[in-house]
Amino acid sequence: MEHSDGTAERLTDFLRRERRAILAGDLPELIALAPEGARLVEAIEGHGRAAFAAAADLAAIKAQAETNRRLLEAALAGIGAARRRLAEVARARDGLDTYDRHGAAQSIDLRPGRVERRA
């Protein structure tokens, strides 16, 4: 996987470090890696397929990049779920929405010193 400027090896190393950071949830490391990733993309765009010694090298790198993409998507989905859950907990702390026996909505304010509101 050698090219005269080592682009393919640098990309492989970058993808391994990126994967470790994703799996560890190391957001500061992912942010720190971003400029290097951008430089590698520019280098590849400049060299095209010539940056890779063989089609197998290119296929392996594509597979690593795809794995990282899926891991990042899963991490983002997890972060979104956590944010939604935290918002639910915050709403439950402040009040409770419920219905009376006639189906009318009512909101009960649970914050200290607040008066109960009914819809």
PDB file of N, CA and C in Angstrom:
ATOM      1  N   MET A   1       0.833  -1.175   0.000  1.00  0.00           N
ATOM      2  CA  MET A   1       0.000   0.000   0.000  1.00  0.00           C
ATOM      3  C   MET A   1       0.881   1.242   0.000  1.00  0.00           C
ATOM      4  N   GLU A   2       1.899   1.223  -0.778  1.00  0.00           N
ATOM      5  CA  GLU A   2       2.873   2.305  -0.780  1.00  0.00           C
ATOM      6  C   GLU A   2       2.752   3.135  -2.046  1.00  0.00           C
ATOM      7  N   HIS A   3       2.749   4.401  -1.911  1.00  0.00           N
ATOM      8  CA  HIS A   3       2.837   5.350  -3.012  1.00  0.00           C
ATOM      9  C   HIS A   3       3.987   6.256  -2.676  1.00  0.00           C
ATOM     10  N   SER A   4       4.497   6.946  -3.660  1.00  0.00           N
ATOM     11  CA  SER A   4       5.695   7.744  -3.422  1.00  0.00           C
ATOM     12  C   SER A   4       5.536   8.743  -2.281  1.00  0.00           C
ATOM     13  N   ASP A   5       4.316   9.265  -2.078  1.00  0.00           N
ATOM     14  CA  ASP A   5       4.136  10.214  -0.974  1.00  0.00           C
ATOM     15  C   ASP A   5       3.466   9.579   0.249  1.00  0.00           C
ATOM     16  N   GLY A   6       3.152   8.291   0.212  1.00  0.00           N
ATOM     17  CA  GLY A   6       2.591   7.590   1.370  1.00  0.00           C
ATOM     18  C   GLY A   6       1.154   7.940   1.687  1.00  0.00           C
ATOM     19  N   THR A   7       0.425   8.516   0.729  1.00  0.00           N
ATOM     20  CA  THR A   7      -0.957   8.935   0.981  1.00  0.00           C
ATOM     21  C   THR A   7      -1.828   7.776   1.457  1.00  0.00           C
ATOM     22  N   ALA A   8      -1.710   6.635   0.811  1.00  0.00           N
ATOM     23  CA  ALA A   8      -2.559   5.494   1.173  1.00  0.00           C
ATOM     24  C   ALA A   8      -2.267   5.022   2.595  1.00  0.00           C
ATOM     25  N   GLU A   9      -1.003   4.947   2.958  1.00  0.00           N
ATOM     26  CA  GLU A   9      -0.660   4.532   4.328  1.00  0.00           C
ATOM     27  C   GLU A   9      -1.127   5.557   5.349  1.00  0.00           C
ATOM     28  N   ARG A  10      -0.978   6.837   5.037  1.00  0.00           N
ATOM     29  CA  ARG A  10      -1.436   7.883   5.961  1.00  0.00           C
ATOM     30  C   ARG A  10      -2.954   7.821   6.127  1.00  0.00           C
ATOM     31  N   LEU A  11      -3.660   7.548   5.036  1.00  0.00           N
ATOM     32  CA  LEU A  11      -5.120   7.441   5.110  1.00  0.00           C
ATOM     33  C   LEU A  11      -5.538   6.237   5.943  1.00  0.00           C
ATOM     34  N   THR A  12      -4.868   5.109   5.757  1.00  0.00           N
ATOM     35  CA  THR A  12      -5.173   3.914   6.540  1.00  0.00           C
ATOM     36  C   THR A  12      -4.937   4.169   8.022  1.00  0.00           C
ATOM     37  N   ASP A  13      -3.827   4.799   8.338  1.00  0.00           N
ATOM     38  CA  ASP A  13      -3.525   5.135   9.731  1.00  0.00           C
ATOM     39  C   ASP A  13      -4.562   6.102  10.286  1.00  0.00           C
ATOM     40  N   PHE A  14      -4.930   7.103   9.501  1.00  0.00           N
ATOM     41  CA  PHE A  14      -5.945   8.069   9.922  1.00  0.00           C
ATOM     42  C   PHE A  14      -7.268   7.372  10.230  1.00  0.00           C
ATOM     43  N   LEU A  15      -7.710   6.485   9.337  1.00  0.00           N
ATOM     44  CA  LEU A  15      -8.983   5.787   9.541  1.00  0.00           C
ATOM     45  C   LEU A  15      -8.955   4.914  10.789  1.00  0.00           C
ATOM     46  N   ARG A  16      -7.812   4.304  11.085  1.00  0.00           N
ATOM     47  CA  ARG A  16      -7.693   3.508  12.326  1.00  0.00           C
ATOM     48  C   ARG A  16      -7.814   4.401  13.556  1.00  0.00           C
ATOM     49  N   ARG A  17      -7.132   5.553  13.537  1.00  0.00           N
ATOM     50  CA  ARG A  17      -7.209   6.476  14.680  1.00  0.00           C
ATOM     51  C   ARG A  17      -8.609   7.052  14.818  1.00  0.00           C
ATOM     52  N   GLU A  18      -9.244   7.352  13.687  1.00  0.00           N
ATOM     53  CA  GLU A  18     -10.604   7.875  13.716  1.00  0.00           C
ATOM     54  C   GLU A  18     -11.552   6.838  14.319  1.00  0.00           C
ATOM     55  N   ARG A  19     -11.404   5.585  13.919  1.00  0.00           N
ATOM     56  CA  ARG A  19     -12.248   4.508  14.449  1.00  0.00           C
ATOM     57  C   ARG A  19     -12.092   4.382  15.961  1.00  0.00           C
ATOM     58  N   ARG A  20     -10.850   4.407  16.435  1.00  0.00           N
ATOM     59  CA  ARG A  20     -10.616   4.324  17.887  1.00  0.00           C
ATOM     60  C   ARG A  20     -11.293   5.481  18.612  1.00  0.00           C
ATOM     61  N   ALA A  21     -11.197   6.678  18.054  1.00  0.00           N
ATOM     62  CA  ALA A  21     -11.807   7.851  18.688  1.00  0.00           C
ATOM     63  C   ALA A  21     -13.336   7.731  18.696  1.00  0.00           C
ATOM     64  N   ILE A  22     -13.908   7.228  17.611  1.00  0.00           N
ATOM     65  CA  ILE A  22     -15.363   7.056  17.545  1.00  0.00           C
ATOM     66  C   ILE A  22     -15.810   6.058  18.602  1.00  0.00           C
ATOM     67  N   LEU A  23     -15.136   4.904  18.642  1.00  0.00           N
ATOM     68  CA  LEU A  23     -15.521   3.855  19.598  1.00  0.00           C
ATOM     69  C   LEU A  23     -15.337   4.300  21.042  1.00  0.00           C
ATOM     70  N   ALA A  24     -14.351   5.159  21.290  1.00  0.00           N
ATOM     71  CA  ALA A  24     -14.101   5.655  22.642  1.00  0.00           C
ATOM     72  C   ALA A  24     -15.005   6.842  22.990  1.00  0.00           C
ATOM     73  N   GLY A  25     -15.719   7.363  22.005  1.00  0.00           N
ATOM     74  CA  GLY A  25     -16.543   8.544  22.251  1.00  0.00           C
ATOM     75  C   GLY A  25     -15.705   9.777  22.513  1.00  0.00           C
ATOM     76  N   ASP A  26     -14.498   9.803  21.949  1.00  0.00           N
ATOM     77  CA  ASP A  26     -13.545  10.896  22.185  1.00  0.00           C
ATOM     78  C   ASP A  26     -13.793  12.028  21.184  1.00  0.00           C
ATOM     79  N   LEU A  27     -14.790  12.868  21.473  1.00  0.00           N
ATOM     80  CA  LEU A  27     -15.145  13.955  20.572  1.00  0.00           C
ATOM     81  C   LEU A  27     -14.012  14.961  20.377  1.00  0.00           C
ATOM     82  N   PRO A  28     -13.269  15.334  21.422  1.00  0.00           N
ATOM     83  CA  PRO A  28     -12.142  16.247  21.184  1.00  0.00           C
ATOM     84  C   PRO A  28     -11.116  15.667  20.206  1.00  0.00           C
ATOM     85  N   GLU A  29     -10.877  14.368  20.275  1.00  0.00           N
ATOM     86  CA  GLU A  29      -9.936  13.738  19.339  1.00  0.00           C
ATOM     87  C   GLU A  29     -10.506  13.752  17.926  1.00  0.00           C
ATOM     88  N   LEU A  30     -11.789  13.490  17.781  1.00  0.00           N
ATOM     89  CA  LEU A  30     -12.400  13.537  16.452  1.00  0.00           C
ATOM     90  C   LEU A  30     -12.298  14.933  15.848  1.00  0.00           C
ATOM     91  N   ILE A  31     -12.511  15.937  16.666  1.00  0.00           N
ATOM     92  CA  ILE A  31     -12.391  17.319  16.194  1.00  0.00           C
ATOM     93  C   ILE A  31     -10.950  17.603  15.790  1.00  0.00           C
ATOM     94  N   ALA A  32      -9.999  17.122  16.585  1.00  0.00           N
ATOM     95  CA  ALA A  32      -8.580  17.332  16.277  1.00  0.00           C
ATOM     96  C   ALA A  32      -8.173  16.608  14.996  1.00  0.00           C
ATOM     97  N   LEU A  33      -8.808  15.486  14.690  1.00  0.00           N
ATOM     98  CA  LEU A  33      -8.478  14.707  13.491  1.00  0.00           C
ATOM     99  C   LEU A  33      -9.057  15.327  12.212  1.00  0.00           C
ATOM    100  N   ALA A  34     -10.089  16.133  12.330  1.00  0.00           N
ATOM    101  CA  ALA A  34     -10.790  16.650  11.150  1.00  0.00           C
ATOM    102  C   ALA A  34      -9.880  17.357  10.149  1.00  0.00           C
ATOM    103  N   PRO A  35      -9.000  18.263  10.571  1.00  0.00           N
ATOM    104  CA  PRO A  35      -8.137  18.923   9.578  1.00  0.00           C
ATOM    105  C   PRO A  35      -7.229  17.941   8.833  1.00  0.00           C
ATOM    106  N   GLU A  36      -6.728  16.941   9.535  1.00  0.00           N
ATOM    107  CA  GLU A  36      -5.895  15.932   8.889  1.00  0.00           C
ATOM    108  C   GLU A  36      -6.710  15.164   7.855  1.00  0.00           C
ATOM    109  N   GLY A  37      -7.930  14.817   8.191  1.00  0.00           N
ATOM    110  CA  GLY A  37      -8.797  14.123   7.246  1.00  0.00           C
ATOM    111  C   GLY A  37      -9.046  14.959   5.998  1.00  0.00           C
ATOM    112  N   ALA A  38      -9.266  16.247   6.184  1.00  0.00           N
ATOM    113  CA  ALA A  38      -9.487  17.140   5.041  1.00  0.00           C
ATOM    114  C   ALA A  38      -8.241  17.199   4.152  1.00  0.00           C
ATOM    115  N   ARG A  39      -7.072  17.263   4.769  1.00  0.00           N
ATOM    116  CA  ARG A  39      -5.826  17.292   3.982  1.00  0.00           C
ATOM    117  C   ARG A  39      -5.649  15.993   3.195  1.00  0.00           C
ATOM    118  N   LEU A  40      -5.978  14.872   3.816  1.00  0.00           N
ATOM    119  CA  LEU A  40      -5.851  13.586   3.120  1.00  0.00           C
ATOM    120  C   LEU A  40      -6.821  13.495   1.946  1.00  0.00           C
ATOM    121  N   VAL A  41      -8.027  13.990   2.124  1.00  0.00           N
ATOM    122  CA  VAL A  41      -8.994  13.988   1.026  1.00  0.00           C
ATOM    123  C   VAL A  41      -8.455  14.828  -0.132  1.00  0.00           C
ATOM    124  N   GLU A  42      -7.900  15.992   0.181  1.00  0.00           N
ATOM    125  CA  GLU A  42      -7.318  16.839  -0.865  1.00  0.00           C
ATOM    126  C   GLU A  42      -6.177  16.122  -1.576  1.00  0.00           C
ATOM    127  N   ALA A  43      -5.339  15.424  -0.828  1.00  0.00           N
ATOM    128  CA  ALA A  43      -4.214  14.709  -1.428  1.00  0.00           C
ATOM    129  C   ALA A  43      -4.719  13.608  -2.358  1.00  0.00           C
ATOM    130  N   ILE A  44      -5.752  12.909  -1.940  1.00  0.00           N
ATOM    131  CA  ILE A  44      -6.306  11.829  -2.758  1.00  0.00           C
ATOM    132  C   ILE A  44      -6.944  12.405  -4.018  1.00  0.00           C
ATOM    133  N   GLU A  45      -7.667  13.505  -3.858  1.00  0.00           N
ATOM    134  CA  GLU A  45      -8.285  14.125  -5.032  1.00  0.00           C
ATOM    135  C   GLU A  45      -7.217  14.560  -6.028  1.00  0.00           C
ATOM    136  N   GLY A  46      -6.062  14.964  -5.531  1.00  0.00           N
ATOM    137  CA  GLY A  46      -4.969  15.380  -6.398  1.00  0.00           C
ATOM    138  C   GLY A  46      -4.319  14.222  -7.138  1.00  0.00           C
ATOM    139  N   HIS A  47      -4.267  13.057  -6.506  1.00  0.00           N
ATOM    140  CA  HIS A  47      -3.599  11.897  -7.094  1.00  0.00           C
ATOM    141  C   HIS A  47      -4.558  10.924  -7.752  1.00  0.00           C
ATOM    142  N   GLY A  48      -5.804  10.922  -7.351  1.00  0.00           N
ATOM    143  CA  GLY A  48      -6.763   9.949  -7.871  1.00  0.00           C
ATOM    144  C   GLY A  48      -6.360   8.544  -7.467  1.00  0.00           C
ATOM    145  N   ARG A  49      -6.638   7.588  -8.319  1.00  0.00           N
ATOM    146  CA  ARG A  49      -6.317   6.187  -8.027  1.00  0.00           C
ATOM    147  C   ARG A  49      -4.820   5.958  -7.942  1.00  0.00           C
ATOM    148  N   ALA A  50      -4.027   6.867  -8.487  1.00  0.00           N
ATOM    149  CA  ALA A  50      -2.573   6.692  -8.449  1.00  0.00           C
ATOM    150  C   ALA A  50      -2.034   6.697  -7.023  1.00  0.00           C
ATOM    151  N   ALA A  51      -2.832   7.184  -6.071  1.00  0.00           N
ATOM    152  CA  ALA A  51      -2.394   7.214  -4.674  1.00  0.00           C
ATOM    153  C   ALA A  51      -2.382   5.815  -4.064  1.00  0.00           C
ATOM    154  N   PHE A  52      -2.971   4.846  -4.762  1.00  0.00           N
ATOM    155  CA  PHE A  52      -3.087   3.497  -4.230  1.00  0.00           C
ATOM    156  C   PHE A  52      -2.291   2.531  -5.099  1.00  0.00           C
ATOM    157  N   ALA A  53      -1.557   1.667  -4.455  1.00  0.00           N
ATOM    158  CA  ALA A  53      -0.707   0.723  -5.181  1.00  0.00           C
ATOM    159  C   ALA A  53      -1.532  -0.317  -5.912  1.00  0.00           C
ATOM    160  N   ALA A  54      -2.689  -0.660  -5.374  1.00  0.00           N
ATOM    161  CA  ALA A  54      -3.503  -1.698  -5.997  1.00  0.00           C
ATOM    162  C   ALA A  54      -4.972  -1.439  -5.701  1.00  0.00           C
ATOM    163  N   ALA A  55      -5.821  -2.018  -6.535  1.00  0.00           N
ATOM    164  CA  ALA A  55      -7.267  -1.889  -6.317  1.00  0.00           C
ATOM    165  C   ALA A  55      -7.668  -2.463  -4.967  1.00  0.00           C
ATOM    166  N   ALA A  56      -6.954  -3.486  -4.499  1.00  0.00           N
ATOM    167  CA  ALA A  56      -7.261  -4.092  -3.200  1.00  0.00           C
ATOM    168  C   ALA A  56      -7.026  -3.081  -2.078  1.00  0.00           C
ATOM    169  N   ASP A  57      -5.982  -2.254  -2.221  1.00  0.00           N
ATOM    170  CA  ASP A  57      -5.718  -1.213  -1.221  1.00  0.00           C
ATOM    171  C   ASP A  57      -6.880  -0.230  -1.178  1.00  0.00           C
ATOM    172  N   LEU A  58      -7.331   0.169  -2.349  1.00  0.00           N
ATOM    173  CA  LEU A  58      -8.447   1.102  -2.433  1.00  0.00           C
ATOM    174  C   LEU A  58      -9.704   0.487  -1.818  1.00  0.00           C
ATOM    175  N   ALA A  59      -9.967  -0.782  -2.109  1.00  0.00           N
ATOM    176  CA  ALA A  59     -11.146  -1.453  -1.554  1.00  0.00           C
ATOM    177  C   ALA A  59     -11.070  -1.535  -0.036  1.00  0.00           C
ATOM    178  N   ALA A  60      -9.895  -1.836   0.503  1.00  0.00           N
ATOM    179  CA  ALA A  60      -9.730  -1.923   1.958  1.00  0.00           C
ATOM    180  C   ALA A  60      -9.963  -0.571   2.615  1.00  0.00           C
ATOM    181  N   ILE A  61      -9.466   0.477   1.999  1.00  0.00           N
ATOM    182  CA  ILE A  61      -9.644   1.822   2.563  1.00  0.00           C
ATOM    183  C   ILE A  61     -11.107   2.232   2.483  1.00  0.00           C
ATOM    184  N   LYS A  62     -11.764   1.925   1.376  1.00  0.00           N
ATOM    185  CA  LYS A  62     -13.193   2.235   1.261  1.00  0.00           C
ATOM    186  C   LYS A  62     -13.990   1.507   2.345  1.00  0.00           C
ATOM    187  N   ALA A  63     -13.634   0.253   2.611  1.00  0.00           N
ATOM    188  CA  ALA A  63     -14.327  -0.514   3.645  1.00  0.00           C
ATOM    189  C   ALA A  63     -14.116   0.109   5.020  1.00  0.00           C
ATOM    190  N   GLN A  64     -12.886   0.537   5.310  1.00  0.00           N
ATOM    191  CA  GLN A  64     -12.617   1.200   6.595  1.00  0.00           C
ATOM    192  C   GLN A  64     -13.416   2.494   6.712  1.00  0.00           C
ATOM    193  N   ALA A  65     -13.440   3.273   5.641  1.00  0.00           N
ATOM    194  CA  ALA A  65     -14.170   4.541   5.656  1.00  0.00           C
ATOM    195  C   ALA A  65     -15.662   4.294   5.845  1.00  0.00           C
ATOM    196  N   GLU A  66     -16.193   3.270   5.209  1.00  0.00           N
ATOM    197  CA  GLU A  66     -17.613   2.927   5.347  1.00  0.00           C
ATOM    198  C   GLU A  66     -17.930   2.499   6.781  1.00  0.00           C
ATOM    199  N   THR A  67     -17.044   1.713   7.369  1.00  0.00           N
ATOM    200  CA  THR A  67     -17.235   1.304   8.767  1.00  0.00           C
ATOM    201  C   THR A  67     -17.271   2.528   9.674  1.00  0.00           C
ATOM    202  N   ASN A  68     -16.333   3.447   9.477  1.00  0.00           N
ATOM    203  CA  ASN A  68     -16.303   4.666  10.293  1.00  0.00           C
ATOM    204  C   ASN A  68     -17.563   5.495  10.090  1.00  0.00           C
ATOM    205  N   ARG A  69     -18.040   5.569   8.843  1.00  0.00           N
ATOM    206  CA  ARG A  69     -19.264   6.317   8.575  1.00  0.00           C
ATOM    207  C   ARG A  69     -20.438   5.726   9.342  1.00  0.00           C
ATOM    208  N   ARG A  70     -20.573   4.389   9.306  1.00  0.00           N
ATOM    209  CA  ARG A  70     -21.664   3.744  10.035  1.00  0.00           C
ATOM    210  C   ARG A  70     -21.536   3.952  11.543  1.00  0.00           C
ATOM    211  N   LEU A  71     -20.309   3.890  12.050  1.00  0.00           N
ATOM    212  CA  LEU A  71     -20.093   4.123  13.480  1.00  0.00           C
ATOM    213  C   LEU A  71     -20.469   5.547  13.868  1.00  0.00           C
ATOM    214  N   LEU A  72     -20.091   6.514  13.026  1.00  0.00           N
ATOM    215  CA  LEU A  72     -20.443   7.906  13.301  1.00  0.00           C
ATOM    216  C   LEU A  72     -21.954   8.116  13.267  1.00  0.00           C
ATOM    217  N   GLU A  73     -22.626   7.513  12.309  1.00  0.00           N
ATOM    218  CA  GLU A  73     -24.088   7.625  12.245  1.00  0.00           C
ATOM    219  C   GLU A  73     -24.734   7.041  13.499  1.00  0.00           C
ATOM    220  N   ALA A  74     -24.225   5.907  13.946  1.00  0.00           N
ATOM    221  CA  ALA A  74     -24.769   5.285  15.158  1.00  0.00           C
ATOM    222  C   ALA A  74     -24.504   6.164  16.376  1.00  0.00           C
ATOM    223  N   ALA A  75     -23.321   6.760  16.438  1.00  0.00           N
ATOM    224  CA  ALA A  75     -22.992   7.646  17.560  1.00  0.00           C
ATOM    225  C   ALA A  75     -23.901   8.870  17.558  1.00  0.00           C
ATOM    226  N   LEU A  76     -24.141   9.441  16.387  1.00  0.00           N
ATOM    227  CA  LEU A  76     -25.033  10.597  16.296  1.00  0.00           C
ATOM    228  C   LEU A  76     -26.455  10.230  16.682  1.00  0.00           C
ATOM    229  N   ALA A  77     -26.903   9.055  16.277  1.00  0.00           N
ATOM    230  CA  ALA A  77     -28.242   8.603  16.664  1.00  0.00           C
ATOM    231  C   ALA A  77     -28.323   8.448  18.178  1.00  0.00           C
ATOM    232  N   GLY A  78     -27.282   7.906  18.787  1.00  0.00           N
ATOM    233  CA  GLY A  78     -27.244   7.746  20.238  1.00  0.00           C
ATOM    234  C   GLY A  78     -27.254   9.083  20.959  1.00  0.00           C
ATOM    235  N   ILE A  79     -26.518  10.040  20.430  1.00  0.00           N
ATOM    236  CA  ILE A  79     -26.501  11.378  21.029  1.00  0.00           C
ATOM    237  C   ILE A  79     -27.883  12.014  20.928  1.00  0.00           C
ATOM    238  N   GLY A  80     -28.522  11.850  19.771  1.00  0.00           N
ATOM    239  CA  GLY A  80     -29.876  12.390  19.606  1.00  0.00           C
ATOM    240  C   GLY A  80     -30.859  11.756  20.579  1.00  0.00           C
ATOM    241  N   ALA A  81     -30.769  10.448  20.760  1.00  0.00           N
ATOM    242  CA  ALA A  81     -31.658   9.750  21.706  1.00  0.00           C
ATOM    243  C   ALA A  81     -31.404  10.232  23.135  1.00  0.00           C
ATOM    244  N   ALA A  82     -30.155  10.433  23.473  1.00  0.00           N
ATOM    245  CA  ALA A  82     -29.823  10.908  24.820  1.00  0.00           C
ATOM    246  C   ALA A  82     -30.367  12.318  25.046  1.00  0.00           C
ATOM    247  N   ARG A  83     -30.251  13.168  24.031  1.00  0.00           N
ATOM    248  CA  ARG A  83     -30.777  14.534  24.157  1.00  0.00           C
ATOM    249  C   ARG A  83     -32.283  14.526  24.346  1.00  0.00           C
ATOM    250  N   ARG A  84     -32.969  13.687  23.568  1.00  0.00           N
ATOM    251  CA  ARG A  84     -34.433  13.604  23.712  1.00  0.00           C
ATOM    252  C   ARG A  84     -34.812  13.108  25.093  1.00  0.00           C
ATOM    253  N   ARG A  85     -34.081  12.113  25.587  1.00  0.00           N
ATOM    254  CA  ARG A  85     -34.395  11.561  26.916  1.00  0.00           C
ATOM    255  C   ARG A  85     -34.153  12.600  27.999  1.00  0.00           C
ATOM    256  N   LEU A  86     -33.062  13.342  27.893  1.00  0.00           N
ATOM    257  CA  LEU A  86     -32.791  14.398  28.874  1.00  0.00           C
ATOM    258  C   LEU A  86     -33.871  15.464  28.852  1.00  0.00           C
ATOM    259  N   ALA A  87     -34.372  15.793  27.667  1.00  0.00           N
ATOM    260  CA  ALA A  87     -35.457  16.776  27.568  1.00  0.00           C
ATOM    261  C   ALA A  87     -36.723  16.239  28.233  1.00  0.00           C
ATOM    262  N   GLU A  88     -37.004  14.947  28.042  1.00  0.00           N
ATOM    263  CA  GLU A  88     -38.164  14.332  28.686  1.00  0.00           C
ATOM    264  C   GLU A  88     -38.041  14.381  30.203  1.00  0.00           C
ATOM    265  N   VAL A  89     -36.865  14.082  30.705  1.00  0.00           N
ATOM    266  CA  VAL A  89     -36.640  14.100  32.152  1.00  0.00           C
ATOM    267  C   VAL A  89     -36.806  15.517  32.683  1.00  0.00           C
ATOM    268  N   ALA A  90     -36.297  16.511  31.958  1.00  0.00           N
ATOM    269  CA  ALA A  90     -36.436  17.903  32.397  1.00  0.00           C
ATOM    270  C   ALA A  90     -37.901  18.322  32.424  1.00  0.00           C
ATOM    271  N   ARG A  91     -38.666  17.910  31.405  1.00  0.00           N
ATOM    272  CA  ARG A  91     -40.100  18.243  31.393  1.00  0.00           C
ATOM    273  C   ARG A  91     -40.824  17.560  32.558  1.00  0.00           C
ATOM    274  N   ALA A  92     -40.470  16.328  32.847  1.00  0.00           N
ATOM    275  CA  ALA A  92     -41.113  15.598  33.946  1.00  0.00           C
ATOM    276  C   ALA A  92     -40.778  16.235  35.292  1.00  0.00           C
ATOM    277  N   ARG A  93     -39.596  16.797  35.398  1.00  0.00           N
ATOM    278  CA  ARG A  93     -39.188  17.447  36.641  1.00  0.00           C
ATOM    279  C   ARG A  93     -40.024  18.698  36.895  1.00  0.00           C
ATOM    280  N   ASP A  94     -40.365  19.405  35.807  1.00  0.00           N
ATOM    281  CA  ASP A  94     -41.083  20.664  35.941  1.00  0.00           C
ATOM    282  C   ASP A  94     -42.589  20.487  36.035  1.00  0.00           C
ATOM    283  N   GLY A  95     -43.104  19.438  35.445  1.00  0.00           N
ATOM    284  CA  GLY A  95     -44.550  19.279  35.468  1.00  0.00           C
ATOM    285  C   GLY A  95     -44.964  17.966  34.845  1.00  0.00           C
ATOM    286  N   LEU A  96     -46.240  17.748  34.912  1.00  0.00           N
ATOM    287  CA  LEU A  96     -46.792  16.492  34.431  1.00  0.00           C
ATOM    288  C   LEU A  96     -48.052  16.799  33.637  1.00  0.00           C
ATOM    289  N   ASP A  97     -48.132  16.240  32.437  1.00  0.00           N
ATOM    290  CA  ASP A  97     -49.351  16.371  31.635  1.00  0.00           C
ATOM    291  C   ASP A  97     -50.145  15.082  31.805  1.00  0.00           C
ATOM    292  N   THR A  98     -51.418  15.238  32.120  1.00  0.00           N
ATOM    293  CA  THR A  98     -52.272  14.076  32.356  1.00  0.00           C
ATOM    294  C   THR A  98     -53.686  14.391  31.884  1.00  0.00           C
ATOM    295  N   TYR A  99     -54.568  13.446  32.036  1.00  0.00           N
ATOM    296  CA  TYR A  99     -55.965  13.618  31.628  1.00  0.00           C
ATOM    297  C   TYR A  99     -56.867  13.248  32.790  1.00  0.00           C
ATOM    298  N   ASP A 100     -58.006  13.970  32.897  1.00  0.00           N
ATOM    299  CA  ASP A 100     -58.957  13.624  33.944  1.00  0.00           C
ATOM    300  C   ASP A 100     -59.880  12.518  33.443  1.00  0.00           C
ATOM    301  N   ARG A 101     -60.854  12.139  34.270  1.00  0.00           N
ATOM    302  CA  ARG A 101     -61.714  11.001  33.914  1.00  0.00           C
ATOM    303  C   ARG A 101     -62.628  11.293  32.731  1.00  0.00           C
ATOM    304  N   HIS A 102     -62.727  12.572  32.337  1.00  0.00           N
ATOM    305  CA  HIS A 102     -63.550  12.949  31.193  1.00  0.00           C
ATOM    306  C   HIS A 102     -62.694  13.137  29.933  1.00  0.00           C
ATOM    307  N   GLY A 103     -61.398  12.900  30.034  1.00  0.00           N
ATOM    308  CA  GLY A 103     -60.506  13.016  28.881  1.00  0.00           C
ATOM    309  C   GLY A 103     -59.958  14.411  28.654  1.00  0.00           C
ATOM    310  N   ALA A 104     -60.239  15.317  29.569  1.00  0.00           N
ATOM    311  CA  ALA A 104     -59.733  16.682  29.419  1.00  0.00           C
ATOM    312  C   ALA A 104     -58.271  16.734  29.879  1.00  0.00           C
ATOM    313  N   ALA A 105     -57.449  17.388  29.071  1.00  0.00           N
ATOM    314  CA  ALA A 105     -56.028  17.497  29.396  1.00  0.00           C
ATOM    315  C   ALA A 105     -55.836  18.442  30.568  1.00  0.00           C
ATOM    316  N   GLN A 106     -54.873  18.106  31.380  1.00  0.00           N
ATOM    317  CA  GLN A 106     -54.506  19.004  32.472  1.00  0.00           C
ATOM    318  C   GLN A 106     -52.998  18.937  32.670  1.00  0.00           C
ATOM    319  N   SER A 107     -52.453  20.056  33.067  1.00  0.00           N
ATOM    320  CA  SER A 107     -51.018  20.142  33.292  1.00  0.00           C
ATOM    321  C   SER A 107     -50.794  20.455  34.764  1.00  0.00           C
ATOM    322  N   ILE A 108     -49.997  19.626  35.401  1.00  0.00           N
ATOM    323  CA  ILE A 108     -49.704  19.810  36.820  1.00  0.00           C
ATOM    324  C   ILE A 108     -48.279  20.324  36.930  1.00  0.00           C
ATOM    325  N   ASP A 109     -48.145  21.514  37.510  1.00  0.00           N
ATOM    326  CA  ASP A 109     -46.828  22.131  37.667  1.00  0.00           C
ATOM    327  C   ASP A 109     -46.187  21.586  38.939  1.00  0.00           C
ATOM    328  N   LEU A 110     -45.037  20.966  38.812  1.00  0.00           N
ATOM    329  CA  LEU A 110     -44.360  20.357  39.958  1.00  0.00           C
ATOM    330  C   LEU A 110     -43.235  21.218  40.522  1.00  0.00           C
ATOM    331  N   ARG A 111     -43.028  22.379  39.933  1.00  0.00           N
ATOM    332  CA  ARG A 111     -41.958  23.240  40.447  1.00  0.00           C
ATOM    333  C   ARG A 111     -42.379  23.839  41.784  1.00  0.00           C
ATOM    334  N   PRO A 112     -41.456  23.964  42.711  1.00  0.00           N
ATOM    335  CA  PRO A 112     -41.791  24.512  44.031  1.00  0.00           C
ATOM    336  C   PRO A 112     -42.363  25.923  43.910  1.00  0.00           C
ATOM    337  N   GLY A 113     -43.408  26.185  44.712  1.00  0.00           N
ATOM    338  CA  GLY A 113     -43.984  27.518  44.776  1.00  0.00           C
ATOM    339  C   GLY A 113     -44.877  27.854  43.592  1.00  0.00           C
ATOM    340  N   ARG A 114     -45.238  26.880  42.795  1.00  0.00           N
ATOM    341  CA  ARG A 114     -46.097  27.120  41.634  1.00  0.00           C
ATOM    342  C   ARG A 114     -47.495  26.603  41.907  1.00  0.00           C
ATOM    343  N   VAL A 115     -48.447  27.238  41.271  1.00  0.00           N
ATOM    344  CA  VAL A 115     -49.835  26.823  41.390  1.00  0.00           C
ATOM    345  C   VAL A 115     -50.156  25.864  40.256  1.00  0.00           C
ATOM    346  N   GLU A 116     -50.948  24.872  40.535  1.00  0.00           N
ATOM    347  CA  GLU A 116     -51.337  23.882  39.532  1.00  0.00           C
ATOM    348  C   GLU A 116     -52.180  24.551  38.442  1.00  0.00           C
ATOM    349  N   ARG A 117     -51.889  24.205  37.175  1.00  0.00           N
ATOM    350  CA  ARG A 117     -52.648  24.737  36.040  1.00  0.00           C
ATOM    351  C   ARG A 117     -53.462  23.611  35.435  1.00  0.00           C
ATOM    352  N   ARG A 118     -54.616  23.943  34.989  1.00  0.00           N
ATOM    353  CA  ARG A 118     -55.447  22.952  34.310  1.00  0.00           C
ATOM    354  C   ARG A 118     -55.814  23.494  32.938  1.00  0.00           C
ATOM    355  N   ALA A 119     -55.767  22.599  31.946  1.00  0.00           N
ATOM    356  CA  ALA A 119     -56.078  23.007  30.579  1.00  0.00           C
ATOM    357  C   ALA A 119     -57.564  22.910  30.324  1.00  0.00           C
TER     358      ALA A 119
END
